[in-house]
Structure formats: structure tokens, C-alpha cells
C-alpha atoms as a PDB file:
ATOM      1  CA  MET A   1     -18.639 -17.383 -10.434  1.00  0.00           C
ATOM      2  CA  THR A   2     -17.835 -19.855  -7.440  1.00  0.00           C
ATOM      3  CA  SER A   3     -14.416 -19.321  -7.603  1.00  0.00           C
ATOM      4  CA  PHE A   4     -14.932 -15.372  -7.445  1.00  0.00           C
ATOM      5  CA  LYS A   5     -17.212 -15.481  -4.190  1.00  0.00           C
ATOM      6  CA  SER A   6     -14.438 -17.811  -2.711  1.00  0.00           C
ATOM      7  CA  LYS A   7     -11.679 -15.918  -3.219  1.00  0.00           C
ATOM      8  CA  ARG A   8     -13.847 -12.776  -1.900  1.00  0.00           C
ATOM      9  CA  LEU A   9     -14.626 -14.611   1.383  1.00  0.00           C
ATOM     10  CA  VAL A  10     -11.072 -15.562   1.558  1.00  0.00           C
ATOM     11  CA  LEU A  11      -9.835 -11.805   0.813  1.00  0.00           C
ATOM     12  CA  THR A  12     -12.303 -10.807   3.318  1.00  0.00           C
ATOM     13  CA  ALA A  13     -11.017 -13.268   6.179  1.00  0.00           C
ATOM     14  CA  LEU A  14      -7.325 -12.416   5.082  1.00  0.00           C
ATOM     15  CA  MET A  15      -7.859  -8.304   5.753  1.00  0.00           C
ATOM     16  CA  ALA A  16      -9.744  -9.061   9.155  1.00  0.00           C
ATOM     17  CA  ILE A  17      -6.609 -11.285  10.537  1.00  0.00           C
ATOM     18  CA  GLY A  18      -4.505  -7.905   8.891  1.00  0.00           C
ATOM     19  CA  THR A  19      -6.163  -5.853  10.949  1.00  0.00           C
ATOM     20  CA  ALA A  20      -6.093  -7.865  14.157  1.00  0.00           C
ATOM     21  CA  ALA A  21      -2.033  -7.616  13.489  1.00  0.00           C
ATOM     22  CA  SER A  22      -2.126  -4.184  13.003  1.00  0.00           C
ATOM     23  CA  LEU A  23      -3.841  -3.342  16.394  1.00  0.00           C
ATOM     24  CA  SER A  24      -1.358  -5.877  18.176  1.00  0.00           C
ATOM     25  CA  GLY A  25       2.213  -6.384  16.995  1.00  0.00           C
ATOM     26  CA  CYS A  26       5.181  -4.289  16.173  1.00  0.00           C
ATOM     27  CA  PHE A  27       4.781  -4.667  12.489  1.00  0.00           C
ATOM     28  CA  PRO A  28       1.395  -3.700  11.013  1.00  0.00           C
ATOM     29  CA  VAL A  29       0.074  -4.428   8.118  1.00  0.00           C
ATOM     30  CA  VAL A  30      -0.613  -1.444   6.419  1.00  0.00           C
ATOM     31  CA  ALA A  31      -3.117  -1.655   2.687  1.00  0.00           C
ATOM     32  CA  ALA A  32      -3.870   2.513   2.510  1.00  0.00           C
ATOM     33  CA  GLY A  33      -6.096   2.735  -0.045  1.00  0.00           C
ATOM     34  CA  ALA A  34      -7.920  -0.406   0.512  1.00  0.00           C
ATOM     35  CA  ALA A  35      -9.921   0.383   4.331  1.00  0.00           C
ATOM     36  CA  GLY A  36     -13.280  -1.136   3.849  1.00  0.00           C
ATOM     37  CA  GLY A  37     -12.776  -4.076   1.236  1.00  0.00           C
ATOM     38  CA  ALA A  38      -9.416  -4.082  -1.658  1.00  0.00           C
ATOM     39  CA  LEU A  39     -12.059  -6.154  -3.619  1.00  0.00           C
ATOM     40  CA  VAL A  40     -14.044  -3.781  -5.308  1.00  0.00           C
ATOM     41  CA  ALA A  41     -15.018  -3.232  -8.738  1.00  0.00           C
ATOM     42  CA  THR A  42     -13.137  -0.174  -9.466  1.00  0.00           C
ATOM     43  CA  ASP A  43      -9.784  -1.456  -8.403  1.00  0.00           C
ATOM     44  CA  ARG A  44      -7.271  -1.936 -11.522  1.00  0.00           C
ATOM     45  CA  ARG A  45      -5.872  -4.889 -10.110  1.00  0.00           C
ATOM     46  CA  SER A  46      -7.528  -8.295 -10.792  1.00  0.00           C
ATOM     47  CA  ALA A  47      -9.142 -10.122  -8.147  1.00  0.00           C
ATOM     48  CA  GLY A  48      -6.251 -12.842  -7.955  1.00  0.00           C
ATOM     49  CA  ILE A  49      -3.473  -9.998  -7.840  1.00  0.00           C
ATOM     50  CA  GLN A  50      -5.051  -7.941  -4.909  1.00  0.00           C
ATOM     51  CA  LEU A  51      -5.311 -11.576  -2.892  1.00  0.00           C
ATOM     52  CA  VAL A  52      -1.985 -12.009  -3.883  1.00  0.00           C
ATOM     53  CA  ASP A  53      -1.355  -8.823  -2.132  1.00  0.00           C
ATOM     54  CA  GLN A  54      -3.314  -9.348   0.684  1.00  0.00           C
ATOM     55  CA  GLU A  55      -1.266 -12.630   1.457  1.00  0.00           C
ATOM     56  CA  ILE A  56       2.063 -11.017   0.569  1.00  0.00           C
ATOM     57  CA  GLU A  57       1.546  -8.100   3.425  1.00  0.00           C
ATOM     58  CA  LEU A  58       0.403 -10.860   5.926  1.00  0.00           C
ATOM     59  CA  LYS A  59       3.422 -13.603   5.177  1.00  0.00           C
ATOM     60  CA  ALA A  60       5.879 -10.782   5.280  1.00  0.00           C
ATOM     61  CA  ASN A  61       4.748  -8.931   8.175  1.00  0.00           C
ATOM     62  CA  LYS A  62       5.043 -12.896  10.190  1.00  0.00           C
ATOM     63  CA  ALA A  63       8.745 -13.191   8.156  1.00  0.00           C
ATOM     64  CA  LEU A  64       9.419  -9.541   9.729  1.00  0.00           C
ATOM     65  CA  ARG A  65       8.268 -10.646  13.612  1.00  0.00           C
ATOM     66  CA  ASN A  66       9.722 -13.617  13.999  1.00  0.00           C
ATOM     67  CA  SER A  67      13.282 -12.315  13.092  1.00  0.00           C
ATOM     68  CA  PRO A  68      15.652 -10.159  15.310  1.00  0.00           C
ATOM     69  CA  LEU A  69      14.437  -7.037  14.044  1.00  0.00           C
ATOM     70  CA  GLU A  70      11.775  -6.428  16.519  1.00  0.00           C
ATOM     71  CA  PRO A  71      10.597  -4.030  17.949  1.00  0.00           C
ATOM     72  CA  ALA A  72      11.784  -1.796  14.896  1.00  0.00           C
ATOM     73  CA  HIS A  73       8.921  -0.141  13.181  1.00  0.00           C
ATOM     74  CA  ILE A  74       8.020  -1.092   9.862  1.00  0.00           C
ATOM     75  CA  ASP A  75       5.179  -1.175   7.623  1.00  0.00           C
ATOM     76  CA  VAL A  76       4.649  -3.413   4.247  1.00  0.00           C
ATOM     77  CA  THR A  77       2.341  -2.294   1.674  1.00  0.00           C
ATOM     78  CA  SER A  78       2.281  -4.574  -1.344  1.00  0.00           C
ATOM     79  CA  TYR A  79       0.402  -3.260  -4.708  1.00  0.00           C
ATOM     80  CA  ASN A  80       0.884  -5.204  -7.423  1.00  0.00           C
ATOM     81  CA  ARG A  81       3.147  -7.580  -6.410  1.00  0.00           C
ATOM     82  CA  ARG A  82       5.661  -4.638  -5.480  1.00  0.00           C
ATOM     83  CA  VAL A  83       6.359  -4.175  -1.711  1.00  0.00           C
ATOM     84  CA  LEU A  84       6.867  -0.991  -0.620  1.00  0.00           C
ATOM     85  CA  LEU A  85       8.932  -0.539   3.304  1.00  0.00           C
ATOM     86  CA  THR A  86       8.461   2.075   5.356  1.00  0.00           C
ATOM     87  CA  GLY A  87       9.145   3.011   8.753  1.00  0.00           C
ATOM     88  CA  GLU A  88      12.121   2.894  11.344  1.00  0.00           C
ATOM     89  CA  VAL A  89      15.208   0.409  12.041  1.00  0.00           C
ATOM     90  CA  PRO A  90      18.379   0.999  13.872  1.00  0.00           C
ATOM     91  CA  THR A  91      21.058   0.216  11.470  1.00  0.00           C
ATOM     92  CA  ASP A  92      21.858  -0.270   8.213  1.00  0.00           C
ATOM     93  CA  GLN A  93      22.715  -3.663   8.300  1.00  0.00           C
ATOM     94  CA  GLY A  94      18.803  -4.232  10.025  1.00  0.00           C
ATOM     95  CA  LYS A  95      17.617  -1.850   6.559  1.00  0.00           C
ATOM     96  CA  GLN A  96      19.103  -4.647   4.423  1.00  0.00           C
ATOM     97  CA  GLN A  97      18.213  -7.611   6.475  1.00  0.00           C
ATOM     98  CA  ALA A  98      14.394  -6.395   6.264  1.00  0.00           C
ATOM     99  CA  ALA A  99      14.182  -6.102   2.134  1.00  0.00           C
ATOM    100  CA  GLN A 100      16.083  -9.741   1.988  1.00  0.00           C
ATOM    101  CA  LEU A 101      13.660 -11.414   4.231  1.00  0.00           C
ATOM    102  CA  VAL A 102      10.524  -9.462   2.646  1.00  0.00           C
ATOM    103  CA  SER A 103      12.294 -10.151  -0.761  1.00  0.00           C
ATOM    104  CA  ARG A 104      12.218 -14.138  -0.165  1.00  0.00           C
ATOM    105  CA  VAL A 105       8.222 -14.308   0.470  1.00  0.00           C
ATOM    106  CA  GLU A 106       6.722 -15.857  -2.460  1.00  0.00           C
ATOM    107  CA  ASN A 107       4.819 -13.807  -5.051  1.00  0.00           C
ATOM    108  CA  VAL A 108       6.802 -10.998  -4.545  1.00  0.00           C
ATOM    109  CA  ASN A 109       8.213  -9.472  -7.608  1.00  0.00           C
ATOM    110  CA  SER A 110      10.334  -6.188  -6.104  1.00  0.00           C
ATOM    111  CA  VAL A 111      10.714  -4.457  -3.098  1.00  0.00           C
ATOM    112  CA  VAL A 112      11.301  -0.563  -2.442  1.00  0.00           C
ATOM    113  CA  ASN A 113      13.327  -0.090   0.511  1.00  0.00           C
ATOM    114  CA  GLU A 114      12.206   3.481   2.097  1.00  0.00           C
ATOM    115  CA  LEU A 115      13.107   2.464   5.722  1.00  0.00           C
ATOM    116  CA  GLU A 116      15.229   4.716   7.755  1.00  0.00           C
ATOM    117  CA  VAL A 117      17.818   4.156  10.014  1.00  0.00           C
ATOM    118  CA  GLY A 118      17.162   5.815  13.241  1.00  0.00           C
ATOM    119  CA  PHE A 119      14.730   5.895  16.159  1.00  0.00           C
ATOM    120  CA  ASN A 120      10.963   4.944  16.138  1.00  0.00           C
ATOM    121  CA  ALA A 121       8.961   7.449  14.873  1.00  0.00           C
ATOM    122  CA  SER A 122       6.629   9.081  17.814  1.00  0.00           C
ATOM    123  CA  LEU A 123       2.957   8.442  18.131  1.00  0.00           C
ATOM    124  CA  THR A 124       2.219  12.083  17.950  1.00  0.00           C
ATOM    125  CA  GLN A 125       4.385  11.688  14.051  1.00  0.00           C
ATOM    126  CA  ARG A 126       2.547   8.884  13.252  1.00  0.00           C
ATOM    127  CA  SER A 127      -0.550  10.455  14.092  1.00  0.00           C
ATOM    128  CA  SER A 128       0.118  13.303  12.022  1.00  0.00           C
ATOM    129  CA  ASP A 129       1.151  11.365   9.459  1.00  0.00           C
ATOM    130  CA  SER A 130      -2.597   9.102   9.447  1.00  0.00           C
ATOM    131  CA  VAL A 131      -4.385  12.430   9.225  1.00  0.00           C
ATOM    132  CA  ILE A 132      -1.876  13.796   6.199  1.00  0.00           C
ATOM    133  CA  THR A 133      -3.469  10.101   4.536  1.00  0.00           C
ATOM    134  CA  GLY A 134      -6.187  10.962   5.510  1.00  0.00           C
ATOM    135  CA  ARG A 135      -6.499  14.756   3.321  1.00  0.00           C
ATOM    136  CA  ILE A 136      -4.724  13.165   0.741  1.00  0.00           C
ATOM    137  CA  LYS A 137      -7.086  10.133  -0.023  1.00  0.00           C
ATOM    138  CA  ALA A 138     -10.113  12.891   0.663  1.00  0.00           C
ATOM    139  CA  SER A 139      -8.871  15.395  -1.992  1.00  0.00           C
ATOM    140  CA  PHE A 140      -8.492  12.319  -4.303  1.00  0.00           C
ATOM    141  CA  VAL A 141     -12.249  11.704  -3.663  1.00  0.00           C
ATOM    142  CA  ASP A 142     -12.840  15.215  -4.322  1.00  0.00           C
ATOM    143  CA  ALA A 143     -10.943  15.375  -7.661  1.00  0.00           C
ATOM    144  CA  LYS A 144     -13.562  15.078 -10.516  1.00  0.00           C
ATOM    145  CA  ASP A 145     -10.778  13.920 -13.135  1.00  0.00           C
ATOM    146  CA  LEU A 146      -8.840  11.208 -10.714  1.00  0.00           C
ATOM    147  CA  SER A 147     -10.179   7.716 -10.102  1.00  0.00           C
ATOM    148  CA  ALA A 148      -8.909   8.030  -6.164  1.00  0.00           C
ATOM    149  CA  SER A 149      -9.703   3.852  -6.092  1.00  0.00           C
ATOM    150  CA  ALA A 150      -6.724   3.553  -8.435  1.00  0.00           C
ATOM    151  CA  PHE A 151      -4.585   4.869  -5.784  1.00  0.00           C
ATOM    152  CA  LYS A 152      -2.784   3.552  -2.701  1.00  0.00           C
ATOM    153  CA  VAL A 153      -1.291   6.548  -0.155  1.00  0.00           C
ATOM    154  CA  VAL A 154       1.406   5.802   2.639  1.00  0.00           C
ATOM    155  CA  THR A 155       2.682   8.607   4.816  1.00  0.00           C
ATOM    156  CA  GLU A 156       5.686   8.301   6.918  1.00  0.00           C
ATOM    157  CA  ASN A 157       7.431  11.016   8.552  1.00  0.00           C
ATOM    158  CA  GLY A 158       5.685  13.465   5.904  1.00  0.00           C
ATOM    159  CA  VAL A 159       7.042  11.856   3.266  1.00  0.00           C
ATOM    160  CA  VAL A 160       3.713  10.770   1.208  1.00  0.00           C
ATOM    161  CA  TYR A 161       4.460   7.624  -0.947  1.00  0.00           C
ATOM    162  CA  LEU A 162       2.291   6.822  -3.828  1.00  0.00           C
ATOM    163  CA  MET A 163       1.506   3.712  -5.527  1.00  0.00           C
ATOM    164  CA  GLY A 164      -1.104   2.256  -8.337  1.00  0.00           C
ATOM    165  CA  ARG A 165      -1.938   1.519 -11.735  1.00  0.00           C
ATOM    166  CA  VAL A 166      -2.206   4.886 -13.073  1.00  0.00           C
ATOM    167  CA  THR A 167      -1.753   6.964 -16.189  1.00  0.00           C
ATOM    168  CA  GLN A 168       1.090   9.681 -16.692  1.00  0.00           C
ATOM    169  CA  ARG A 169      -1.626  12.549 -16.061  1.00  0.00           C
ATOM    170  CA  GLU A 170      -2.970  10.546 -12.821  1.00  0.00           C
ATOM    171  CA  ALA A 171       0.394  10.503 -11.732  1.00  0.00           C
ATOM    172  CA  ASP A 172       1.151  13.993 -12.141  1.00  0.00           C
ATOM    173  CA  ARG A 173      -2.565  15.357 -11.270  1.00  0.00           C
ATOM    174  CA  ALA A 174      -2.151  13.246  -8.376  1.00  0.00           C
ATOM    175  CA  THR A 175       1.024  14.233  -7.135  1.00  0.00           C
ATOM    176  CA  ASP A 176       0.421  17.755  -7.112  1.00  0.00           C
ATOM    177  CA  ILE A 177      -2.722  17.291  -5.001  1.00  0.00           C
ATOM    178  CA  ALA A 178      -0.444  15.627  -2.533  1.00  0.00           C
ATOM    179  CA  ARG A 179       2.148  18.138  -2.444  1.00  0.00           C
ATOM    180  CA  SER A 180      -0.212  20.729  -1.708  1.00  0.00           C
ATOM    181  CA  ILE A 181      -1.245  19.268   1.883  1.00  0.00           C
ATOM    182  CA  SER A 182      -0.192  20.506   4.861  1.00  0.00           C
ATOM    183  CA  GLY A 183       2.676  18.719   6.349  1.00  0.00           C
ATOM    184  CA  VAL A 184       3.699  17.073   3.613  1.00  0.00           C
ATOM    185  CA  GLN A 185       7.671  17.178   3.193  1.00  0.00           C
ATOM    186  CA  ARG A 186       8.163  15.270  -0.145  1.00  0.00           C
ATOM    187  CA  VAL A 187       6.175  12.887  -2.754  1.00  0.00           C
ATOM    188  CA  VAL A 188       7.866   9.621  -3.894  1.00  0.00           C
ATOM    189  CA  GLN A 189       5.956   8.104  -6.773  1.00  0.00           C
ATOM    190  CA  ILE A 190       6.162   4.187  -6.659  1.00  0.00           C
ATOM    191  CA  PHE A 191       2.973   3.804  -9.750  1.00  0.00           C
ATOM    192  CA  ASP A 192       3.056   1.004 -12.948  1.00  0.00           C
ATOM    193  CA  ILE A 193       2.311   3.516 -15.768  1.00  0.00           C
ATOM    194  CA  VAL A 194      -0.191   2.328 -18.556  1.00  0.00           C
ATOM    195  CA  ASP A 195      -1.575   4.363 -21.449  1.00  0.00           C
ATOM    196  CA  GLU A 196      -5.124   5.399 -21.758  1.00  0.00           C
ATOM    197  CA  THR A 197      -6.112   2.743 -24.289  1.00  0.00           C
ATOM    198  CA  HIS A 198      -4.767   0.110 -22.290  1.00  0.00           C
ATOM    199  CA  LEU A 199      -7.308   1.615 -19.151  1.00  0.00           C
ATOM    200  CA  MET A 200     -10.209   2.452 -21.424  1.00  0.00           C
ATOM    201  CA  GLN A 201      -9.706  -1.832 -23.096  1.00  0.00           C
ATOM    202  CA  GLN A 202      -9.750  -3.345 -19.142  1.00  0.00           C
ATOM    203  CA  ASP A 203     -12.563  -1.278 -18.058  1.00  0.00           C
ATOM    204  CA  ALA A 204     -14.597  -2.377 -21.565  1.00  0.00           C
ATOM    205  CA  SER A 205     -13.698  -6.050 -20.201  1.00  0.00           C
ATOM    206  CA  LYS A 206     -15.179  -5.851 -16.673  1.00  0.00           C
ATOM    207  CA  PRO A 207     -18.380  -7.884 -16.622  1.00  0.00           C
ATOM    208  CA  ALA A 208     -21.328  -4.784 -15.750  1.00  0.00           C
ATOM    209  CA  ALA A 209     -22.134  -4.069 -12.036  1.00  0.00           C
ATOM    210  CA  GLN A 210     -25.214  -6.461 -10.471  1.00  0.00           C
END
């Protein structure tokens, strides 16, 4: 019990630091789907993995800030130790350098490099992306056959990236919903696919809510 509470306190502190970094730095921490607290009972990652993902995002952003890549626009999202890079860098070399830097961060299992080579997105485009992300999350909540907290949603230049530990049915359903949202150009699946039986066993092993 003490260990769990300690992890929760550490995670809360890390999220606060990440929020401050997103407001002041060129490399904001993006944890789509984790707003309001990543450590929730319905998250399909263990408490330990949630903490590791938060640490990966913080360390990756620090590595990028300390690199010659700044002021590139790079967003870092980690789910189950798989890191998604989105945003814009000026050159192909910068794109590869960013992936190499992040791949060397402790506990990173793999990097999905979706960085675009070109000028940084405008504030108007970023605002539009935020609206799209919000609408998709709201639609997941409204969908009675989905667990909204099982997904992370990242939108960049109208391209939606979906992450999470989900069944194939959930992956297909979430993708169909995302594609129906106005402004979405395409949807990229970055899922860990699990079977229904595994999820049922995982849910059964969780302690009852207090």
C-alpha cells in the first residue's frame, strides 16, 4: 500500500512538472488521454508502467531541449514504453537525430518516428488539432462499447494517432469513430493488440475500488 501511494505522489509531481514544461518550452510534453491524472483504475497499464511512461516523456523532452534541434516543434508521447514522435523538423537529418536521441532514453522500447520535414505548424493549425483531439475523446466517451481511458489520442496537422492496449474490435471501432470527425485527414493505429480473454483476466485481477 505504501509503495502504491508513493508511486502516485511521484507521478502527480511528474505531471505537474510536465505541464509547466509544456507551457514554457519548445518541446511540450504531450500525454493525450492522460489529462487529469494518468494513474487511474481504468488504465490498462500497470501503475509502474504509467510512471515509466511519464518519466520517458520528461527525459526525452529534456534530451531534445538540450540538442541542436531547437526550435523544432517535436511532441513526445509514450505508451507502454513505445514512443511516438510527432511535429516538424527542418531537415531529414534532424528527423533521424531526434529519433536517435529518444531511443537512447532509459526504458524506451521502440520509437515511432512520425516527424514531418518542413516548417513548424501554425498556431491556427495546432488549435485545430486540439479541437479534433477533444472531439475524438468525447466521441470515445459517448461510445458505450469502448473504454475511453484505454486510448491515447494525438493529432498533428489533421493526422490522428491512436495508441493503447486494445482488442482488434476496439481498435477498428475507435478508428472508425476518429475517421468520422470533421477535419481528420487520416488515422494511424499504434496499438498493442490484446485478446478479449486477456483483458477479462486483467480486469478480474484488479483490486476492487475503495
